[in-house]
C-alpha cells in the first residue's frame, strides 16, 4: 500500500461532496505519478506500508476521524473513488483478506 505526505503530514482534501478523503494507491508507480503530475501534490513524497498496517492502523483511524479512503486517484487533478473506511475493510474481508477489524 502507498500514500503520500509532506512536511505538514498526509493530505485529506475535501472531495466534490464536501467530505475529506485521504489518498491511497495499490502500486508505487501510481503514487509517484500523482506527486510528479498533479500540481497540488508537487513536493510530496511517497510512503509505503503493509496491507496489515493499512487495515489495523489506517482504516480504524480514518473511520474514527470521519475521513474517507481515496482509492488509486489519478490524473493531474488527482481524482478517483472515495469510500468509507468501513466499506474498504468489508471489501478486503470479502476478498478473503481476513476478518473485519473496523
Protein backbone atom coordinates (compact mmCIF):
# COMPACT_ATOMS: atom_id res chain seq x y z
CA UNK A 1 0.00 0.00 0.00
CA UNK A 2 1.14 3.53 -0.73
CA UNK A 3 0.22 7.05 0.33
CA UNK A 4 1.88 10.45 0.14
CA UNK A 5 2.98 13.04 2.68
CA UNK A 6 4.79 16.34 3.00
CA UNK A 7 6.25 18.25 5.95
CA UNK A 8 2.71 19.04 7.14
CA UNK A 9 1.59 15.39 7.09
CA UNK A 10 -0.83 13.39 4.99
CA UNK A 11 -3.27 15.13 2.67
CA UNK A 12 -7.01 14.80 3.24
CA UNK A 13 -8.61 17.33 0.90
CA UNK A 14 -12.32 17.90 0.54
CA UNK A 15 -13.91 15.90 -2.26
CA UNK A 16 -16.77 17.01 -4.52
CA UNK A 17 -19.28 16.01 -1.82
CA UNK A 18 -17.57 18.17 0.81
CA UNK A 19 -16.10 15.16 2.63
CA UNK A 20 -12.43 14.69 3.46
CA UNK A 21 -10.61 11.82 1.78
CA UNK A 22 -7.04 10.61 2.13
CA UNK A 23 -5.48 9.03 -0.94
CA UNK A 24 -4.02 5.53 -1.09
CA UNK A 25 -2.63 3.54 -4.01
CA UNK A 26 -2.12 -0.13 -4.68
CA UNK A 27 1.03 0.48 -6.72
CA UNK A 28 4.05 2.71 -6.07
CA UNK A 29 4.04 3.85 -9.70
CA UNK A 30 0.53 5.29 -9.29
CA UNK A 31 1.52 7.29 -6.20
CA UNK A 32 4.70 8.53 -7.91
CA UNK A 33 2.65 9.64 -10.89
CA UNK A 34 0.50 11.85 -8.64
CA UNK A 35 3.44 13.62 -6.99
CA UNK A 36 5.06 14.22 -10.38
CA UNK A 37 1.96 15.12 -12.43
CA UNK A 38 -0.64 16.63 -10.08
CA UNK A 39 0.35 20.22 -9.23
CA UNK A 40 -1.44 20.09 -5.85
CA UNK A 41 0.91 17.30 -4.72
CA UNK A 42 4.25 18.57 -6.04
CA UNK A 43 6.79 18.22 -3.24
CA UNK A 44 5.04 15.30 -1.57
CA UNK A 45 6.93 12.04 -1.03
CA UNK A 46 5.63 8.52 -1.47
CA UNK A 47 5.36 6.32 1.62
CA UNK A 48 4.87 2.55 1.72
CA UNK A 49 3.23 0.40 4.40
CA UNK A 50 1.86 -3.11 4.59
CA UNK A 51 -1.72 -4.14 3.92
CA UNK A 52 -1.91 -5.33 7.54
CA UNK A 53 -0.83 -1.87 8.74
CA UNK A 54 -3.42 -0.28 6.44
CA UNK A 55 -6.15 -2.42 7.94
CA UNK A 56 -5.06 -2.28 11.57
CA UNK A 57 -3.87 1.31 11.82
CA UNK A 58 -5.08 3.41 8.94
CA UNK A 59 -8.64 2.21 8.42
CA UNK A 60 -9.63 2.40 12.07
CA UNK A 61 -8.05 5.86 12.40
CA UNK A 62 -9.73 7.16 9.26
CA UNK A 63 -13.08 5.76 10.37
CA UNK A 64 -12.73 7.43 13.76
CA UNK A 65 -11.80 10.75 12.14
CA UNK A 66 -14.59 10.57 9.57
CA UNK A 67 -12.14 10.62 6.65
CA UNK A 68 -12.90 8.60 3.54
CA UNK A 69 -10.40 6.37 1.71
CA UNK A 70 -9.36 7.72 -1.69
CA UNK A 71 -8.58 4.77 -3.94
CA UNK A 72 -5.98 4.97 -6.69
CA UNK A 73 -6.52 8.64 -7.53
CA UNK A 74 -5.15 9.55 -10.94
CA UNK A 75 -4.68 12.41 -13.38
CA UNK A 76 -3.42 15.93 -12.95
CA UNK A 77 -6.38 16.71 -10.67
CA UNK A 78 -5.80 13.56 -8.58
CA UNK A 79 -9.35 12.26 -8.70
CA UNK A 80 -10.85 8.84 -8.16
CA UNK A 81 -13.14 6.88 -5.89
CA UNK A 82 -13.63 7.76 -2.22
CA UNK A 83 -15.25 5.20 0.08
CA UNK A 84 -15.87 4.90 3.79
CA UNK A 85 -13.09 3.17 5.73
CA UNK A 86 -15.58 0.56 6.99
CA UNK A 87 -16.53 -0.22 3.37
CA UNK A 88 -12.86 -0.61 2.43
CA UNK A 89 -12.43 -3.09 5.28
CA UNK A 90 -15.58 -5.01 4.31
CA UNK A 91 -14.33 -5.22 0.72
CA UNK A 92 -10.96 -6.57 1.86
CA UNK A 93 -12.65 -9.11 4.13
CA UNK A 94 -14.98 -10.21 1.32
CA UNK A 95 -11.95 -10.67 -0.95
CA UNK A 96 -10.56 -13.18 1.52
CA UNK A 97 -8.08 -10.87 3.19
CA UNK A 98 -9.06 -11.89 6.73
CA UNK A 99 -11.52 -10.71 9.37
CA UNK A 100 -13.17 -7.33 9.56
CA UNK A 101 -11.46 -5.09 12.13
CA UNK A 102 -13.14 -1.69 11.68
